[in-house]
Amino acid sequence: MPRRSAPLGTRSSTSTSELPSAARPASATGPVGPAAALAERLGLPVRDLELLEQALVHSSWLHEHRDAARGHNERLEFLGDVVVNLAISDALYEAHPSDDEGLLSTRRASIVSTTGLARLAGRIDLGALILLGEGEAQRGGRRRPSLLASAFEAVAGALYLDLGWERTRLWLVELAEPELSNDSPGVSLKSPKSRLQEHTQRRTGLRPEYRIIAASGPDHEKLFRIEVWIDGRPLGVGEGPSRRTAETAAATRALEELRRERAAAKSAASASGAASASDEEAAASSAPNVAIDEIAEIFSEPAVASRTRATSRRTPG
């Protein structure tokens, strides 16, 4: 049974003027195409450049060059998802022998989330080599986290098929070494939306409410402005080119506001000479809807209380 998608066919040199020279098909730039440039950048003994180049083909490019390729990178992305998750899980298991399942899952989610994979893609400047349609490129596709994350997984899938598990695993572990060796408590690894949701669910059993207060610009260049409400009051506003990005920014602002309220409550307690925990709780009542002990957990205590199993390979933010 064949293990990979069909290789790319002969490249057309049309409609590539909007792409960086390194990201144009090989036939348009001579012998050094995007796959060869990537292989050199990675320092790996890549044997199947056609397969690696297919990992760089976005569906938008294939739509504009139907006669130049036999497929895009989504099948390789499917395979690479498993490769990346297994490599990262194995490395975390070895690097953090005292962590329980919940904390290991949190660490893994911070690395294999859309944001985490886009960060890894940025370390090899993958965005400059992806073959995008002109419209997608003009909309800033080379900087879009979801697109970068998908292409990174496709590259991992191609390397696995070409070089095998051990070589690909070592490459992934070396690239993600800063995250793998991070000993920060689990709560600091979670996305702002996850941290804010955990706080509100402990307080009221409800989730934060995200409201769109503005959406401007043409469809391909939308700018969303979103406000997050907690306990019946607005706590943060965020902007971004997508709802998810704007919601993450709003959650970040809300956490900052909760931190300020916590600091103000502690300062009030100190000024009044309160020394006991009960006095501190009384001072906190001047900051409505803020639970000091719970906010402290959000920002400083390890998230060992959470035992929720990760249900998705990519978490928001």
Protein backbone atom coordinates (compact mmCIF):
# COMPACT_ATOMS: atom_id res chain seq x y z
CA MET A 1 0.00 0.00 0.00
CA PRO A 2 1.49 3.37 -0.93
CA ARG A 3 2.51 5.47 2.05
CA ARG A 4 2.37 8.93 0.53
CA SER A 5 0.51 11.19 -1.82
CA ALA A 6 1.48 11.32 -5.46
CA PRO A 7 4.54 13.49 -6.14
CA LEU A 8 4.22 16.91 -7.64
CA GLY A 9 4.30 17.25 -11.36
CA THR A 10 6.22 19.78 -13.47
CA ARG A 11 5.82 23.29 -12.15
CA SER A 12 4.36 26.13 -14.10
CA SER A 13 6.14 29.49 -13.93
CA THR A 14 2.93 31.52 -14.22
CA SER A 15 1.39 33.59 -11.43
CA THR A 16 4.43 33.37 -9.15
CA SER A 17 5.53 36.99 -9.23
CA GLU A 18 3.87 37.69 -5.87
CA LEU A 19 5.81 34.94 -4.12
CA PRO A 20 9.27 35.30 -2.53
CA SER A 21 11.91 33.89 -4.87
CA ALA A 22 12.72 31.06 -2.46
CA ALA A 23 9.05 30.05 -2.40
CA ARG A 24 8.53 29.79 -6.14
CA PRO A 25 8.39 26.42 -7.87
CA ALA A 26 11.76 25.02 -8.93
CA SER A 27 11.02 25.47 -12.63
CA ALA A 28 10.65 29.21 -12.07
CA THR A 29 13.85 29.74 -10.11
CA GLY A 30 16.25 27.15 -11.41
CA PRO A 31 17.54 24.18 -9.42
CA VAL A 32 16.92 25.69 -5.96
CA GLY A 33 13.20 25.44 -5.28
CA PRO A 34 11.39 25.77 -1.93
CA ALA A 35 11.99 22.14 -0.94
CA ALA A 36 15.73 22.33 -1.60
CA ALA A 37 15.90 25.62 0.29
CA LEU A 38 14.05 24.09 3.24
CA ALA A 39 16.20 20.96 3.27
CA GLU A 40 19.33 23.11 3.36
CA ARG A 41 17.86 25.25 6.12
CA LEU A 42 17.01 22.20 8.23
CA GLY A 43 20.38 20.54 7.69
CA LEU A 44 18.72 17.18 7.06
CA PRO A 45 19.69 14.61 4.39
CA VAL A 46 16.38 14.88 2.52
CA ARG A 47 16.18 12.38 -0.33
CA ASP A 48 12.69 13.01 -1.70
CA LEU A 49 12.50 16.70 -2.55
CA GLU A 50 9.25 16.24 -4.45
CA LEU A 51 7.56 14.90 -1.34
CA LEU A 52 8.94 17.74 0.79
CA GLU A 53 7.79 20.25 -1.79
CA GLN A 54 4.29 18.82 -1.68
CA ALA A 55 4.28 19.55 2.04
CA LEU A 56 4.69 23.21 1.10
CA VAL A 57 1.76 23.34 -1.36
CA HIS A 58 -1.28 25.09 0.09
CA SER A 59 -4.67 24.33 -1.44
CA SER A 60 -4.97 27.95 -2.64
CA TRP A 61 -1.85 27.52 -4.80
CA LEU A 62 -3.16 24.27 -6.24
CA HIS A 63 -6.44 25.97 -7.10
CA GLU A 64 -4.56 28.53 -9.21
CA HIS A 65 -2.14 25.97 -10.72
CA ARG A 66 -4.23 22.87 -11.35
CA ASP A 67 -1.89 21.64 -14.09
CA ALA A 68 1.25 22.11 -12.01
CA ALA A 69 0.66 19.79 -9.07
CA ARG A 70 -1.11 16.54 -8.29
CA GLY A 71 -2.04 17.43 -4.75
CA HIS A 72 -1.73 19.83 -1.85
CA ASN A 73 -0.33 19.19 1.61
CA GLU A 74 -3.43 18.18 3.58
CA ARG A 75 -2.78 14.41 3.49
CA LEU A 76 0.74 15.01 4.76
CA GLU A 77 -0.68 17.32 7.43
CA PHE A 78 -2.93 14.46 8.61
CA LEU A 79 0.08 12.18 9.01
CA GLY A 80 2.31 14.87 10.51
CA ASP A 81 -0.25 15.61 13.21
CA VAL A 82 0.30 12.13 14.63
CA VAL A 83 4.09 12.31 14.22
CA VAL A 84 4.36 15.65 16.03
CA ASN A 85 2.04 14.61 18.86
CA LEU A 86 3.88 11.34 19.49
CA ALA A 87 7.33 12.94 19.38
CA ILE A 88 6.32 15.74 21.77
CA SER A 89 4.45 13.38 24.11
CA ASP A 90 7.40 11.01 24.31
CA ALA A 91 9.86 13.85 24.98
CA LEU A 92 7.67 15.40 27.69
CA TYR A 93 7.22 12.02 29.38
CA GLU A 94 11.00 11.67 29.65
CA ALA A 95 11.73 15.30 30.54
CA HIS A 96 9.15 15.66 33.34
CA PRO A 97 9.06 12.40 35.32
CA SER A 98 7.24 13.97 38.29
CA ASP A 99 4.35 15.45 36.28
CA ASP A 100 0.98 13.75 36.39
CA GLU A 101 -1.22 13.13 33.36
CA GLY A 102 -3.04 16.44 33.66
CA LEU A 103 0.11 18.55 33.73
CA LEU A 104 1.73 16.57 30.91
CA SER A 105 -1.39 17.14 28.81
CA THR A 106 -1.22 20.86 29.53
CA ARG A 107 2.44 21.03 28.53
CA ARG A 108 1.76 19.12 25.32
CA ALA A 109 -1.23 21.30 24.43
CA SER A 110 0.91 24.44 24.78
CA ILE A 111 3.35 23.06 22.20
CA VAL A 112 1.03 21.41 19.67
CA SER A 113 -1.63 24.14 19.73
CA THR A 114 -2.02 26.34 16.67
CA THR A 115 0.04 29.05 18.36
CA GLY A 116 2.71 26.61 19.51
CA LEU A 117 3.16 24.98 16.11
CA ALA A 118 3.20 28.38 14.40
CA ARG A 119 6.02 29.35 16.78
CA LEU A 120 8.02 26.28 15.71
CA ALA A 121 7.31 27.08 12.07
CA GLY A 122 8.66 30.58 12.65
CA ARG A 123 11.98 29.20 13.88
CA ILE A 124 12.63 27.73 10.44
CA ASP A 125 11.00 30.67 8.61
CA LEU A 126 8.56 28.25 7.02
CA GLY A 127 6.13 30.97 5.95
CA ALA A 128 8.54 32.29 3.34
CA LEU A 129 8.64 28.89 1.59
CA ILE A 130 4.95 27.92 1.50
CA LEU A 131 3.40 27.93 -1.98
CA LEU A 132 0.30 30.11 -1.68
CA GLY A 133 -2.23 31.41 -4.15
CA GLU A 134 -1.85 35.10 -4.90
CA GLY A 135 -5.03 36.03 -3.04
CA GLU A 136 -4.04 34.08 0.07
CA ALA A 137 -0.55 35.59 0.00
CA GLN A 138 -1.95 39.12 -0.25
CA ARG A 139 -4.21 38.45 2.74
CA GLY A 140 -1.17 37.73 4.88
CA GLY A 141 -1.39 33.95 4.74
CA ARG A 142 2.33 33.55 5.39
CA ARG A 143 1.82 34.98 8.86
CA ARG A 144 -1.46 33.24 9.69
CA PRO A 145 -0.90 30.88 12.66
CA SER A 146 -3.36 28.22 11.47
CA LEU A 147 -1.76 28.05 8.02
CA LEU A 148 1.76 27.90 9.46
CA ALA A 149 0.76 25.18 11.93
CA SER A 150 -0.78 23.06 9.16
CA ALA A 151 2.27 23.43 6.91
CA PHE A 152 4.58 22.52 9.79
CA GLU A 153 2.66 19.30 10.38
CA ALA A 154 2.82 18.53 6.66
CA VAL A 155 6.60 18.98 6.69
CA ALA A 156 6.85 16.64 9.68
CA GLY A 157 4.79 14.08 7.78
CA ALA A 158 6.99 14.34 4.71
CA LEU A 159 10.18 14.00 6.74
CA TYR A 160 8.79 10.95 8.51
CA LEU A 161 8.04 9.22 5.20
CA ASP A 162 11.42 10.15 3.76
CA LEU A 163 13.81 9.86 6.70
CA GLY A 164 11.95 7.64 9.15
CA TRP A 165 10.73 8.03 12.70
CA GLU A 166 14.00 8.41 14.63
CA ARG A 167 15.53 11.15 12.46
CA THR A 168 12.23 13.07 12.38
CA ARG A 169 11.74 12.69 16.14
CA LEU A 170 15.21 14.02 16.89
CA TRP A 171 14.59 17.03 14.63
CA LEU A 172 11.29 17.85 16.33
CA VAL A 173 12.73 17.45 19.83
CA GLU A 174 15.69 19.69 19.05
CA LEU A 175 13.45 22.37 17.51
CA ALA A 176 11.04 22.34 20.46
CA GLU A 177 13.74 22.09 23.14
CA PRO A 178 12.90 25.45 24.81
CA GLU A 179 9.29 24.38 25.36
CA LEU A 180 10.14 20.81 26.31
CA SER A 181 12.56 21.93 29.02
CA ASN A 182 10.24 24.62 30.40
CA ASP A 183 9.52 23.86 34.06
CA SER A 184 6.91 26.57 34.50
CA PRO A 185 3.75 25.56 36.39
CA GLY A 186 0.98 24.27 34.18
CA VAL A 187 -1.26 27.29 34.65
CA SER A 188 1.27 29.58 32.95
CA LEU A 189 1.24 27.31 29.89
CA LYS A 190 -2.47 27.63 29.27
CA SER A 191 -3.95 30.11 26.83
CA PRO A 192 -5.56 33.27 28.22
CA LYS A 193 -9.01 32.01 27.17
CA SER A 194 -8.49 28.72 29.01
CA ARG A 195 -7.28 30.43 32.19
CA LEU A 196 -10.17 32.90 32.16
CA GLN A 197 -12.72 30.16 31.56
CA GLU A 198 -11.38 28.07 34.44
CA HIS A 199 -11.71 31.08 36.74
CA THR A 200 -15.30 31.85 35.76
CA GLN A 201 -16.38 28.22 35.97
CA ARG A 202 -14.99 27.97 39.50
CA ARG A 203 -16.73 31.23 40.46
CA THR A 204 -20.14 30.86 38.84
CA GLY A 205 -20.16 27.66 36.80
CA LEU A 206 -20.55 29.79 33.66
CA ARG A 207 -18.22 30.59 30.79
CA PRO A 208 -17.03 34.07 29.80
CA GLU A 209 -19.28 35.71 27.25
CA TYR A 210 -17.57 37.12 24.15
CA ARG A 211 -19.52 39.82 22.31
CA ILE A 212 -18.66 41.23 18.90
CA ILE A 213 -18.88 45.01 19.20
CA ALA A 214 -17.46 45.79 15.74
CA ALA A 215 -16.42 44.01 12.54
CA SER A 216 -14.99 46.23 9.84
CA GLY A 217 -13.18 45.87 6.53
CA PRO A 218 -13.70 43.65 3.46
CA ASP A 219 -14.16 39.90 3.89
CA HIS A 220 -10.50 39.12 3.22
CA GLU A 221 -9.25 41.81 5.64
CA LYS A 222 -11.76 41.77 8.50
CA LEU A 223 -10.91 43.41 11.79
CA PHE A 224 -12.90 42.15 14.75
CA ARG A 225 -13.35 44.03 18.02
CA ILE A 226 -14.66 41.79 20.80
CA GLU A 227 -15.56 42.45 24.43
CA VAL A 228 -15.54 39.77 27.11
CA TRP A 229 -18.11 39.87 29.92
CA ILE A 230 -17.72 38.13 33.27
CA ASP A 231 -20.27 38.10 36.08
CA GLY A 232 -22.40 40.67 34.26
CA ARG A 233 -19.66 43.23 33.62
CA PRO A 234 -17.24 43.90 30.74
CA LEU A 235 -13.61 43.17 31.69
CA GLY A 236 -11.61 43.36 28.48
CA VAL A 237 -11.67 44.35 24.82
CA GLY A 238 -9.50 42.83 22.08
CA GLU A 239 -8.98 43.27 18.35
CA GLY A 240 -7.72 40.93 15.66
CA PRO A 241 -8.13 39.66 12.07
CA SER A 242 -10.23 36.73 13.31
CA ARG A 243 -12.73 36.15 16.08
CA ARG A 244 -10.36 33.75 17.83
CA THR A 245 -7.49 36.24 17.81
CA ALA A 246 -9.73 39.04 19.08
CA GLU A 247 -11.20 36.81 21.80
CA THR A 248 -7.71 35.80 22.95
CA ALA A 249 -6.71 39.47 23.16
CA ALA A 250 -9.87 40.28 25.13
CA ALA A 251 -9.20 37.41 27.55
CA THR A 252 -5.66 38.70 28.06
CA ARG A 253 -7.00 42.16 28.95
CA ALA A 254 -9.52 40.60 31.34
CA LEU A 255 -6.81 38.66 33.15
CA GLU A 256 -4.77 41.84 33.46
CA GLU A 257 -7.77 43.63 34.93
CA LEU A 258 -8.35 40.82 37.43
CA ARG A 259 -4.68 41.00 38.39
CA ARG A 260 -4.98 44.75 39.00
CA GLU A 261 -8.10 44.25 41.11
CA ARG A 262 -6.36 41.58 43.15
CA ALA A 263 -3.36 43.86 43.72
CA ALA A 264 -5.66 46.74 44.75
CA ALA A 265 -7.53 44.51 47.18
CA LYS A 266 -4.30 43.31 48.79
CA SER A 267 -3.04 46.88 49.02
CA ALA A 268 -6.26 47.97 50.72
CA ALA A 269 -5.97 45.12 53.18
CA SER A 270 -2.37 46.06 53.96
CA ALA A 271 -3.20 49.73 54.42
CA SER A 272 -5.92 48.93 56.93
CA GLY A 273 -3.52 46.82 58.95
CA ALA A 274 -5.36 43.58 58.20
CA ALA A 275 -3.21 40.61 59.02
CA SER A 276 -5.57 37.67 58.97
CA ALA A 277 -7.04 35.87 56.00
CA SER A 278 -10.52 36.92 57.05
CA ASP A 279 -9.51 40.58 57.00
CA GLU A 280 -8.02 40.18 53.56
CA GLU A 281 -11.24 38.64 52.29
CA ALA A 282 -13.18 41.55 53.70
CA ALA A 283 -10.94 44.03 51.93
CA ALA A 284 -11.45 42.11 48.69
CA SER A 285 -15.16 42.90 48.86
CA SER A 286 -14.32 46.41 47.63
CA ALA A 287 -13.41 44.85 44.26
CA PRO A 288 -16.71 43.33 43.07
CA ASN A 289 -16.81 39.73 41.84
CA VAL A 290 -13.12 39.04 42.50
CA ALA A 291 -12.07 36.00 44.54
CA ILE A 292 -8.51 36.61 45.74
CA ASP A 293 -7.55 33.01 46.31
CA GLU A 294 -8.87 31.96 42.91
CA ILE A 295 -7.14 34.80 41.06
CA ALA A 296 -3.91 33.89 42.83
CA GLU A 297 -4.23 30.38 41.47
CA ILE A 298 -4.69 31.74 37.95
CA PHE A 299 -1.44 33.66 38.07
CA SER A 300 0.90 31.82 40.40
CA GLU A 301 -0.08 28.37 41.63
CA PRO A 302 0.59 25.18 39.67
CA ALA A 303 -2.51 23.87 37.94
CA VAL A 304 -2.26 20.49 39.62
CA ALA A 305 -5.96 20.53 40.45
CA SER A 306 -6.90 20.23 36.80
CA ARG A 307 -7.15 16.68 35.55
CA THR A 308 -9.01 17.40 32.34
CA ARG A 309 -7.75 15.24 29.50
CA ALA A 310 -6.90 17.11 26.32
CA THR A 311 -9.70 16.50 23.82
CA SER A 312 -8.19 18.28 20.85
CA ARG A 313 -4.72 18.50 19.38
CA ARG A 314 -5.04 22.27 19.06
CA THR A 315 -6.18 24.58 21.79
CA PRO A 316 -7.15 28.23 21.26
CA GLY A 317 -4.63 30.99 21.43
